Amino acid sequence: MFRHVVLMTWKQALDENQAARVRTALDDLGARSPDVRSFSHGPDAGVRPGGGDYALVADFDDAGGWRAYSAHPAHDVVREVMRGLVASQAVVQFEFTPAGEGAA
């Protein structure tokens, strides 16, 4: 499996309308991208200080699935919604074996 993780920091706190637009755009992207195997996102819970403001985690069968997701038209909507809101972001991608698979 291939995992894509994005950690974002906002330029300023989002108002209710902006937060709703982010949620809706990301929910739509996750639902419309056929290569997505698992998709979650949300604001920082605030339990540990010093973290980012928002995170997204998406799983795919392989890097090719991520490439298809990245090229999906719904991703363009997300990019447009995020433009002007995101001060910085960090992305990490890695391959993994789901728990319980591959054990001898």
N, C-alpha and C. Protein backbone atom coordinates (compact mmCIF):
# COMPACT_ATOMS: atom_id res chain seq x y z
N MET A 1 0.85 -1.18 0.00
CA MET A 1 0.00 0.00 0.00
C MET A 1 0.89 1.24 0.00
N PHE A 2 0.28 2.35 -0.39
CA PHE A 2 0.99 3.62 -0.51
C PHE A 2 0.20 4.67 0.27
N ARG A 3 0.85 5.34 1.22
CA ARG A 3 0.18 6.35 2.05
C ARG A 3 0.70 7.74 1.72
N HIS A 4 -0.24 8.67 1.62
CA HIS A 4 0.02 10.09 1.32
C HIS A 4 -0.47 10.89 2.52
N VAL A 5 0.43 11.66 3.15
CA VAL A 5 0.09 12.44 4.33
C VAL A 5 0.42 13.91 4.06
N VAL A 6 -0.53 14.78 4.33
CA VAL A 6 -0.32 16.22 4.15
C VAL A 6 -0.65 16.91 5.48
N LEU A 7 0.26 17.75 5.94
CA LEU A 7 0.06 18.55 7.14
C LEU A 7 0.09 20.02 6.72
N MET A 8 -0.98 20.73 7.03
CA MET A 8 -1.11 22.13 6.61
C MET A 8 -1.16 23.08 7.79
N THR A 9 -0.64 24.26 7.57
CA THR A 9 -0.76 25.37 8.52
C THR A 9 -1.46 26.51 7.78
N TRP A 10 -2.50 27.03 8.41
CA TRP A 10 -3.27 28.11 7.78
C TRP A 10 -2.56 29.45 7.94
N LYS A 11 -2.82 30.35 7.00
CA LYS A 11 -2.32 31.72 7.12
C LYS A 11 -2.94 32.42 8.32
N GLN A 12 -4.21 32.13 8.55
CA GLN A 12 -4.94 32.64 9.71
C GLN A 12 -6.07 31.66 10.00
N ALA A 13 -6.63 31.72 11.18
CA ALA A 13 -7.71 30.81 11.55
C ALA A 13 -8.84 30.90 10.51
N LEU A 14 -9.40 29.75 10.16
CA LEU A 14 -10.48 29.73 9.18
C LEU A 14 -11.79 30.14 9.83
N ASP A 15 -12.61 30.87 9.07
CA ASP A 15 -13.95 31.15 9.55
C ASP A 15 -14.83 29.94 9.21
N GLU A 16 -16.06 29.95 9.66
CA GLU A 16 -16.94 28.78 9.46
C GLU A 16 -17.15 28.46 7.98
N ASN A 17 -17.30 29.48 7.15
CA ASN A 17 -17.50 29.27 5.72
C ASN A 17 -16.26 28.64 5.08
N GLN A 18 -15.10 29.15 5.41
CA GLN A 18 -13.86 28.59 4.86
C GLN A 18 -13.67 27.14 5.31
N ALA A 19 -13.90 26.87 6.59
CA ALA A 19 -13.76 25.50 7.11
C ALA A 19 -14.73 24.56 6.41
N ALA A 20 -15.95 25.01 6.17
CA ALA A 20 -16.94 24.19 5.48
C ALA A 20 -16.51 23.91 4.03
N ARG A 21 -15.96 24.92 3.36
CA ARG A 21 -15.49 24.74 1.98
C ARG A 21 -14.35 23.72 1.93
N VAL A 22 -13.43 23.79 2.88
CA VAL A 22 -12.31 22.83 2.94
C VAL A 22 -12.86 21.43 3.13
N ARG A 23 -13.73 21.24 4.13
CA ARG A 23 -14.31 19.92 4.40
C ARG A 23 -15.04 19.36 3.19
N THR A 24 -15.87 20.18 2.57
CA THR A 24 -16.67 19.73 1.43
C THR A 24 -15.78 19.34 0.25
N ALA A 25 -14.80 20.17 -0.06
CA ALA A 25 -13.91 19.88 -1.18
C ALA A 25 -13.12 18.60 -0.94
N LEU A 26 -12.61 18.41 0.28
CA LEU A 26 -11.84 17.20 0.56
C LEU A 26 -12.73 15.97 0.62
N ASP A 27 -13.92 16.08 1.21
CA ASP A 27 -14.85 14.95 1.21
C ASP A 27 -15.17 14.52 -0.22
N ASP A 28 -15.42 15.49 -1.09
CA ASP A 28 -15.74 15.20 -2.49
C ASP A 28 -14.55 14.53 -3.19
N LEU A 29 -13.36 15.04 -2.95
CA LEU A 29 -12.17 14.45 -3.56
C LEU A 29 -12.02 12.99 -3.14
N GLY A 30 -12.14 12.72 -1.86
CA GLY A 30 -12.02 11.34 -1.38
C GLY A 30 -13.08 10.42 -1.96
N ALA A 31 -14.30 10.93 -2.09
CA ALA A 31 -15.41 10.11 -2.60
C ALA A 31 -15.33 9.89 -4.11
N ARG A 32 -14.83 10.88 -4.84
CA ARG A 32 -14.83 10.81 -6.31
C ARG A 32 -13.59 10.16 -6.90
N SER A 33 -12.54 10.00 -6.13
CA SER A 33 -11.29 9.44 -6.64
C SER A 33 -11.33 7.92 -6.49
N PRO A 34 -11.50 7.19 -7.59
CA PRO A 34 -11.68 5.74 -7.49
C PRO A 34 -10.46 4.98 -6.98
N ASP A 35 -9.29 5.59 -7.02
CA ASP A 35 -8.09 4.89 -6.57
C ASP A 35 -7.85 5.01 -5.06
N VAL A 36 -8.64 5.83 -4.37
CA VAL A 36 -8.49 6.00 -2.93
C VAL A 36 -9.02 4.75 -2.22
N ARG A 37 -8.22 4.20 -1.32
CA ARG A 37 -8.63 3.04 -0.53
C ARG A 37 -9.09 3.46 0.86
N SER A 38 -8.49 4.53 1.39
CA SER A 38 -8.86 5.08 2.68
C SER A 38 -8.55 6.57 2.63
N PHE A 39 -9.42 7.37 3.23
CA PHE A 39 -9.25 8.83 3.14
C PHE A 39 -9.79 9.46 4.41
N SER A 40 -8.95 10.20 5.10
CA SER A 40 -9.41 10.91 6.28
C SER A 40 -8.71 12.27 6.35
N HIS A 41 -9.39 13.21 6.98
CA HIS A 41 -8.84 14.55 7.11
C HIS A 41 -9.55 15.26 8.25
N GLY A 42 -8.88 16.27 8.81
CA GLY A 42 -9.53 17.03 9.86
C GLY A 42 -8.59 18.01 10.52
N PRO A 43 -9.18 18.91 11.31
CA PRO A 43 -8.38 19.92 12.02
C PRO A 43 -7.64 19.29 13.20
N ASP A 44 -6.56 19.95 13.58
CA ASP A 44 -5.80 19.50 14.74
C ASP A 44 -6.69 19.50 15.98
N ALA A 45 -6.59 18.44 16.78
CA ALA A 45 -7.41 18.31 17.99
C ALA A 45 -6.92 19.21 19.12
N GLY A 46 -5.72 19.77 18.99
CA GLY A 46 -5.23 20.69 19.99
C GLY A 46 -4.72 20.04 21.27
N VAL A 47 -4.50 18.73 21.25
CA VAL A 47 -4.05 18.03 22.45
C VAL A 47 -2.58 18.30 22.73
N ARG A 48 -1.79 18.40 21.69
CA ARG A 48 -0.35 18.66 21.83
C ARG A 48 -0.03 19.96 21.11
N PRO A 49 0.50 20.94 21.80
CA PRO A 49 0.81 22.22 21.16
C PRO A 49 1.93 22.08 20.13
N GLY A 50 1.92 23.00 19.17
CA GLY A 50 3.01 23.07 18.21
C GLY A 50 2.81 22.29 16.94
N GLY A 51 1.65 21.69 16.76
CA GLY A 51 1.39 20.92 15.54
C GLY A 51 0.85 21.80 14.43
N GLY A 52 0.51 21.16 13.33
CA GLY A 52 -0.10 21.87 12.22
C GLY A 52 -1.56 22.17 12.53
N ASP A 53 -2.23 22.78 11.57
CA ASP A 53 -3.64 23.14 11.74
C ASP A 53 -4.59 22.09 11.17
N TYR A 54 -4.14 21.35 10.16
CA TYR A 54 -5.05 20.43 9.46
C TYR A 54 -4.22 19.32 8.84
N ALA A 55 -4.77 18.12 8.80
CA ALA A 55 -4.06 16.99 8.21
C ALA A 55 -4.98 16.19 7.30
N LEU A 56 -4.36 15.55 6.34
CA LEU A 56 -5.04 14.64 5.42
C LEU A 56 -4.19 13.38 5.30
N VAL A 57 -4.85 12.22 5.34
CA VAL A 57 -4.17 10.94 5.13
C VAL A 57 -4.97 10.16 4.11
N ALA A 58 -4.31 9.73 3.03
CA ALA A 58 -4.98 8.97 1.97
C ALA A 58 -4.14 7.75 1.64
N ASP A 59 -4.80 6.61 1.50
CA ASP A 59 -4.12 5.36 1.15
C ASP A 59 -4.54 4.89 -0.24
N PHE A 60 -3.58 4.29 -0.93
CA PHE A 60 -3.76 3.80 -2.30
C PHE A 60 -3.10 2.44 -2.41
N ASP A 61 -3.44 1.70 -3.45
CA ASP A 61 -2.78 0.41 -3.68
C ASP A 61 -1.30 0.59 -3.97
N ASP A 62 -0.97 1.68 -4.69
CA ASP A 62 0.41 1.92 -5.09
C ASP A 62 0.57 3.38 -5.50
N ALA A 63 1.80 3.76 -5.85
CA ALA A 63 2.07 5.15 -6.24
C ALA A 63 1.28 5.55 -7.48
N GLY A 64 1.00 4.60 -8.36
CA GLY A 64 0.19 4.90 -9.54
C GLY A 64 -1.21 5.36 -9.15
N GLY A 65 -1.78 4.77 -8.11
CA GLY A 65 -3.09 5.20 -7.61
C GLY A 65 -3.04 6.63 -7.11
N TRP A 66 -1.96 6.99 -6.41
CA TRP A 66 -1.81 8.37 -5.95
C TRP A 66 -1.69 9.32 -7.14
N ARG A 67 -0.94 8.92 -8.17
CA ARG A 67 -0.80 9.79 -9.34
C ARG A 67 -2.16 10.05 -9.99
N ALA A 68 -3.00 9.02 -10.09
CA ALA A 68 -4.33 9.19 -10.67
C ALA A 68 -5.18 10.13 -9.80
N TYR A 69 -5.09 9.97 -8.49
CA TYR A 69 -5.80 10.83 -7.54
C TYR A 69 -5.33 12.28 -7.69
N SER A 70 -4.03 12.47 -7.80
CA SER A 70 -3.47 13.81 -7.93
C SER A 70 -3.93 14.50 -9.21
N ALA A 71 -4.15 13.72 -10.26
CA ALA A 71 -4.57 14.26 -11.56
C ALA A 71 -6.10 14.37 -11.69
N HIS A 72 -6.85 13.85 -10.72
CA HIS A 72 -8.31 13.85 -10.80
C HIS A 72 -8.84 15.29 -10.79
N PRO A 73 -9.85 15.61 -11.61
CA PRO A 73 -10.40 16.98 -11.64
C PRO A 73 -10.87 17.49 -10.28
N ALA A 74 -11.33 16.61 -9.40
CA ALA A 74 -11.77 17.05 -8.06
C ALA A 74 -10.59 17.61 -7.26
N HIS A 75 -9.38 17.19 -7.61
CA HIS A 75 -8.20 17.72 -6.92
C HIS A 75 -7.97 19.19 -7.28
N ASP A 76 -8.35 19.57 -8.50
CA ASP A 76 -8.23 20.97 -8.91
C ASP A 76 -9.13 21.86 -8.06
N VAL A 77 -10.31 21.35 -7.70
CA VAL A 77 -11.22 22.11 -6.83
C VAL A 77 -10.56 22.32 -5.47
N VAL A 78 -9.96 21.26 -4.93
CA VAL A 78 -9.28 21.38 -3.64
C VAL A 78 -8.15 22.40 -3.72
N ARG A 79 -7.37 22.34 -4.77
CA ARG A 79 -6.27 23.30 -4.92
C ARG A 79 -6.80 24.73 -4.94
N GLU A 80 -7.91 24.95 -5.61
CA GLU A 80 -8.48 26.29 -5.67
C GLU A 80 -8.99 26.73 -4.30
N VAL A 81 -9.66 25.84 -3.58
CA VAL A 81 -10.17 26.17 -2.24
C VAL A 81 -9.01 26.50 -1.31
N MET A 82 -7.93 25.74 -1.40
CA MET A 82 -6.79 25.92 -0.49
C MET A 82 -5.94 27.15 -0.82
N ARG A 83 -5.98 27.58 -2.09
CA ARG A 83 -5.20 28.75 -2.49
C ARG A 83 -5.61 29.94 -1.62
N GLY A 84 -4.67 30.58 -1.03
CA GLY A 84 -4.95 31.72 -0.19
C GLY A 84 -5.17 31.38 1.28
N LEU A 85 -5.41 30.11 1.59
CA LEU A 85 -5.64 29.71 2.98
C LEU A 85 -4.39 29.11 3.62
N VAL A 86 -3.59 28.39 2.83
CA VAL A 86 -2.47 27.61 3.36
C VAL A 86 -1.19 28.46 3.38
N ALA A 87 -0.62 28.57 4.57
CA ALA A 87 0.67 29.27 4.71
C ALA A 87 1.81 28.33 4.37
N SER A 88 1.69 27.06 4.82
CA SER A 88 2.72 26.08 4.54
C SER A 88 2.12 24.68 4.63
N GLN A 89 2.80 23.77 3.97
CA GLN A 89 2.37 22.38 4.06
C GLN A 89 3.59 21.49 3.96
N ALA A 90 3.48 20.33 4.59
CA ALA A 90 4.51 19.30 4.51
C ALA A 90 3.82 18.04 4.00
N VAL A 91 4.50 17.33 3.11
CA VAL A 91 3.94 16.11 2.53
C VAL A 91 4.95 15.00 2.73
N VAL A 92 4.45 13.83 3.12
CA VAL A 92 5.29 12.64 3.18
C VAL A 92 4.48 11.50 2.56
N GLN A 93 5.18 10.65 1.84
CA GLN A 93 4.55 9.48 1.22
C GLN A 93 5.43 8.28 1.53
N PHE A 94 4.79 7.16 1.82
CA PHE A 94 5.57 5.96 2.11
C PHE A 94 4.76 4.72 1.79
N GLU A 95 5.48 3.65 1.51
CA GLU A 95 4.86 2.36 1.28
C GLU A 95 4.77 1.62 2.60
N PHE A 96 3.70 0.83 2.76
CA PHE A 96 3.54 0.06 3.99
C PHE A 96 2.73 -1.20 3.71
N THR A 97 2.84 -2.13 4.62
CA THR A 97 2.05 -3.36 4.58
C THR A 97 1.00 -3.23 5.68
N PRO A 98 -0.28 -3.32 5.31
CA PRO A 98 -1.34 -3.21 6.33
C PRO A 98 -1.17 -4.26 7.42
N ALA A 99 -1.54 -3.89 8.63
CA ALA A 99 -1.44 -4.82 9.76
C ALA A 99 -2.19 -6.11 9.45
N GLY A 100 -1.58 -7.22 9.78
CA GLY A 100 -2.22 -8.51 9.56
C GLY A 100 -1.93 -9.12 8.20
N GLU A 101 -1.35 -8.35 7.29
CA GLU A 101 -1.00 -8.88 5.97
C GLU A 101 0.49 -9.17 5.92
N GLY A 102 0.85 -10.23 5.27
CA GLY A 102 2.24 -10.55 5.06
C GLY A 102 2.92 -11.20 6.25
N ALA A 103 2.19 -11.41 7.33
CA ALA A 103 2.79 -12.07 8.50
C ALA A 103 2.87 -13.56 8.25
N ALA A 104 3.97 -14.16 8.67
CA ALA A 104 4.15 -15.60 8.47
C ALA A 104 3.68 -16.38 9.65
